Amino acid sequence: MDLLPDFDASKLNEATLQLATTQIFLALRHIASGGFNEKLGGDPEIFARLVHAMARASRETLNLQKYREACAKTKAAELKQLDPDRDLSDKDFELLVKKADRVFKVARPSSSSSAPAAPKN
């Protein structure tokens, strides 16, 4: 997973939950057929576990969806809270000046170089 810099593990978990939920749903859909009953071995406890697993998987999928929606709302609220009249930090100011220099195609001496020495008389 280190090879994918933008990999989102929660999406993999969500896909796994959706796949499991789909498989359980398909198995429950064919409950009346003899094949499903034979697979369970006629044990009602196994059926109860299967239904419980379906409920848990569905609940976790819903929790993931709610979490994503809450993150999106929080991110939107944070963007709204940025005050355009706020005091800029040194880094923000430097980034803004560099961007303006690129837009107006102005060469500015780098801030890391020291000031030129005063001429000697």
C-alpha atoms as a PDB file:
ATOM      1  CA  MET A   1       0.000   0.000   0.000  1.00  0.00           C
ATOM      2  CA  ASP A   2       3.053   2.288   0.272  1.00  0.00           C
ATOM      3  CA  LEU A   3       3.223   2.339  -3.535  1.00  0.00           C
ATOM      4  CA  LEU A   4      -0.066   4.233  -3.761  1.00  0.00           C
ATOM      5  CA  PRO A   5       0.350   7.710  -2.248  1.00  0.00           C
ATOM      6  CA  ASP A   6      -3.334   8.606  -2.545  1.00  0.00           C
ATOM      7  CA  PHE A   7      -4.664   5.232  -1.339  1.00  0.00           C
ATOM      8  CA  ASP A   8      -7.708   5.527   0.928  1.00  0.00           C
ATOM      9  CA  ALA A   9      -8.032   2.465   3.169  1.00  0.00           C
ATOM     10  CA  SER A  10     -11.572   3.388   4.147  1.00  0.00           C
ATOM     11  CA  LYS A  11     -12.665   2.963   0.527  1.00  0.00           C
ATOM     12  CA  LEU A  12     -11.200  -0.542   0.496  1.00  0.00           C
ATOM     13  CA  ASN A  13     -13.032  -1.328   3.733  1.00  0.00           C
ATOM     14  CA  GLU A  14     -16.260   0.048   2.292  1.00  0.00           C
ATOM     15  CA  ALA A  15     -15.875  -2.024  -0.872  1.00  0.00           C
ATOM     16  CA  THR A  16     -15.217  -5.141   1.210  1.00  0.00           C
ATOM     17  CA  LEU A  17     -18.311  -4.486   3.312  1.00  0.00           C
ATOM     18  CA  GLN A  18     -20.426  -3.925   0.230  1.00  0.00           C
ATOM     19  CA  LEU A  19     -19.160  -7.137  -1.357  1.00  0.00           C
ATOM     20  CA  ALA A  20     -19.841  -9.128   1.811  1.00  0.00           C
ATOM     21  CA  THR A  21     -23.304  -7.609   2.158  1.00  0.00           C
ATOM     22  CA  THR A  22     -24.109  -8.446  -1.458  1.00  0.00           C
ATOM     23  CA  GLN A  23     -22.915 -12.038  -1.069  1.00  0.00           C
ATOM     24  CA  ILE A  24     -24.931 -12.554   2.118  1.00  0.00           C
ATOM     25  CA  PHE A  25     -27.997 -10.975   0.524  1.00  0.00           C
ATOM     26  CA  LEU A  26     -27.710 -13.273  -2.497  1.00  0.00           C
ATOM     27  CA  ALA A  27     -27.389 -16.287  -0.197  1.00  0.00           C
ATOM     28  CA  LEU A  28     -30.460 -15.222   1.784  1.00  0.00           C
ATOM     29  CA  ARG A  29     -32.398 -14.657  -1.425  1.00  0.00           C
ATOM     30  CA  HIS A  30     -32.131 -18.349  -2.245  1.00  0.00           C
ATOM     31  CA  ILE A  31     -33.146 -19.490   1.227  1.00  0.00           C
ATOM     32  CA  ALA A  32     -36.112 -21.473  -0.030  1.00  0.00           C
ATOM     33  CA  SER A  33     -33.960 -23.594  -2.301  1.00  0.00           C
ATOM     34  CA  GLY A  34     -32.700 -26.865  -0.934  1.00  0.00           C
ATOM     35  CA  GLY A  35     -29.084 -25.987  -1.741  1.00  0.00           C
ATOM     36  CA  PHE A  36     -28.930 -23.210   0.819  1.00  0.00           C
ATOM     37  CA  ASN A  37     -30.460 -25.348   3.552  1.00  0.00           C
ATOM     38  CA  GLU A  38     -27.941 -28.113   2.767  1.00  0.00           C
ATOM     39  CA  LYS A  39     -25.056 -25.637   2.939  1.00  0.00           C
ATOM     40  CA  LEU A  40     -26.208 -24.581   6.399  1.00  0.00           C
ATOM     41  CA  GLY A  41     -26.513 -28.188   7.450  1.00  0.00           C
ATOM     42  CA  GLY A  42     -30.049 -27.550   8.709  1.00  0.00           C
ATOM     43  CA  ASP A  43     -28.613 -25.628  11.696  1.00  0.00           C
ATOM     44  CA  PRO A  44     -30.732 -22.572  12.585  1.00  0.00           C
ATOM     45  CA  GLU A  45     -27.839 -21.063  14.588  1.00  0.00           C
ATOM     46  CA  ILE A  46     -25.803 -20.702  11.407  1.00  0.00           C
ATOM     47  CA  PHE A  47     -28.719 -18.901   9.778  1.00  0.00           C
ATOM     48  CA  ALA A  48     -28.956 -16.554  12.780  1.00  0.00           C
ATOM     49  CA  ARG A  49     -25.212 -15.816  12.511  1.00  0.00           C
ATOM     50  CA  LEU A  50     -25.599 -15.089   8.826  1.00  0.00           C
ATOM     51  CA  VAL A  51     -28.440 -12.635   9.437  1.00  0.00           C
ATOM     52  CA  HIS A  52     -26.445 -11.022  12.269  1.00  0.00           C
ATOM     53  CA  ALA A  53     -23.399 -10.666   9.990  1.00  0.00           C
ATOM     54  CA  MET A  54     -25.609  -9.037   7.365  1.00  0.00           C
ATOM     55  CA  ALA A  55     -26.906  -6.536   9.904  1.00  0.00           C
ATOM     56  CA  ARG A  56     -23.404  -5.691  11.170  1.00  0.00           C
ATOM     57  CA  ALA A  57     -22.039  -5.247   7.651  1.00  0.00           C
ATOM     58  CA  SER A  58     -24.942  -2.983   6.732  1.00  0.00           C
ATOM     59  CA  ARG A  59     -24.497  -0.938   9.915  1.00  0.00           C
ATOM     60  CA  GLU A  60     -20.774  -0.470   9.299  1.00  0.00           C
ATOM     61  CA  THR A  61     -21.400   0.569   5.699  1.00  0.00           C
ATOM     62  CA  LEU A  62     -23.862   3.182   6.951  1.00  0.00           C
ATOM     63  CA  ASN A  63     -21.330   4.348   9.582  1.00  0.00           C
ATOM     64  CA  LEU A  64     -18.679   4.780   6.875  1.00  0.00           C
ATOM     65  CA  GLN A  65     -21.088   6.818   4.776  1.00  0.00           C
ATOM     66  CA  LYS A  66     -21.979   9.034   7.755  1.00  0.00           C
ATOM     67  CA  TYR A  67     -18.273   9.485   8.564  1.00  0.00           C
ATOM     68  CA  ARG A  68     -17.506  10.604   5.005  1.00  0.00           C
ATOM     69  CA  GLU A  69     -20.421  13.046   5.033  1.00  0.00           C
ATOM     70  CA  ALA A  70     -19.292  14.469   8.396  1.00  0.00           C
ATOM     71  CA  CYS A  71     -15.730  14.897   7.079  1.00  0.00           C
ATOM     72  CA  ALA A  72     -17.011  16.694   3.998  1.00  0.00           C
ATOM     73  CA  LYS A  73     -19.163  19.039   6.117  1.00  0.00           C
ATOM     74  CA  THR A  74     -16.244  19.762   8.452  1.00  0.00           C
ATOM     75  CA  LYS A  75     -13.945  20.517   5.551  1.00  0.00           C
ATOM     76  CA  ALA A  76     -16.528  22.844   4.004  1.00  0.00           C
ATOM     77  CA  ALA A  77     -17.014  24.630   7.342  1.00  0.00           C
ATOM     78  CA  GLU A  78     -13.247  25.091   7.738  1.00  0.00           C
ATOM     79  CA  LEU A  79     -13.016  26.667   4.301  1.00  0.00           C
ATOM     80  CA  LYS A  80     -15.819  29.084   5.160  1.00  0.00           C
ATOM     81  CA  GLN A  81     -14.030  30.121   8.361  1.00  0.00           C
ATOM     82  CA  LEU A  82     -10.961  31.422   6.527  1.00  0.00           C
ATOM     83  CA  ASP A  83     -11.011  35.173   6.919  1.00  0.00           C
ATOM     84  CA  PRO A  84      -9.651  37.005   3.871  1.00  0.00           C
ATOM     85  CA  ASP A  85      -8.669  39.965   6.090  1.00  0.00           C
ATOM     86  CA  ARG A  86      -6.611  37.857   8.505  1.00  0.00           C
ATOM     87  CA  ASP A  87      -2.931  38.556   9.173  1.00  0.00           C
ATOM     88  CA  LEU A  88      -0.848  36.320   6.954  1.00  0.00           C
ATOM     89  CA  SER A  89       1.918  34.229   8.399  1.00  0.00           C
ATOM     90  CA  ASP A  90       5.407  34.733   6.993  1.00  0.00           C
ATOM     91  CA  LYS A  91       5.092  31.579   4.904  1.00  0.00           C
ATOM     92  CA  ASP A  92       1.662  32.590   3.557  1.00  0.00           C
ATOM     93  CA  PHE A  93       3.002  36.044   2.701  1.00  0.00           C
ATOM     94  CA  GLU A  94       6.045  34.607   0.947  1.00  0.00           C
ATOM     95  CA  LEU A  95       3.867  32.233  -1.098  1.00  0.00           C
ATOM     96  CA  LEU A  96       1.574  35.102  -2.070  1.00  0.00           C
ATOM     97  CA  VAL A  97       4.504  37.306  -3.133  1.00  0.00           C
ATOM     98  CA  LYS A  98       6.049  34.479  -5.194  1.00  0.00           C
ATOM     99  CA  LYS A  99       2.728  33.853  -6.918  1.00  0.00           C
ATOM    100  CA  ALA A 100       2.343  37.560  -7.695  1.00  0.00           C
ATOM    101  CA  ASP A 101       5.906  37.635  -9.048  1.00  0.00           C
ATOM    102  CA  ARG A 102       5.097  34.758 -11.390  1.00  0.00           C
ATOM    103  CA  VAL A 103       1.840  36.342 -12.519  1.00  0.00           C
ATOM    104  CA  PHE A 104       3.461  39.706 -13.234  1.00  0.00           C
ATOM    105  CA  LYS A 105       6.708  38.078 -14.441  1.00  0.00           C
ATOM    106  CA  VAL A 106       8.850  40.033 -12.043  1.00  0.00           C
ATOM    107  CA  ALA A 107      12.210  38.700 -10.941  1.00  0.00           C
ATOM    108  CA  ARG A 108      12.729  39.316  -7.263  1.00  0.00           C
ATOM    109  CA  PRO A 109      15.961  38.547  -5.420  1.00  0.00           C
ATOM    110  CA  SER A 110      15.653  35.527  -3.193  1.00  0.00           C
ATOM    111  CA  SER A 111      15.149  36.219   0.507  1.00  0.00           C
ATOM    112  CA  SER A 112      17.909  33.782   1.456  1.00  0.00           C
ATOM    113  CA  SER A 113      20.665  35.909  -0.104  1.00  0.00           C
ATOM    114  CA  SER A 114      22.146  38.564   2.102  1.00  0.00           C
ATOM    115  CA  ALA A 115      21.881  42.246   1.279  1.00  0.00           C
ATOM    116  CA  PRO A 116      24.624  43.603  -0.948  1.00  0.00           C
ATOM    117  CA  ALA A 117      27.529  45.135   0.845  1.00  0.00           C
ATOM    118  CA  ALA A 118      27.670  48.915   1.024  1.00  0.00           C
ATOM    119  CA  PRO A 119      30.294  50.450  -1.286  1.00  0.00           C
ATOM    120  CA  LYS A 120      33.514  51.442   0.412  1.00  0.00           C
ATOM    121  CA  ASN A 121      34.650  55.079   0.157  1.00  0.00           C
END
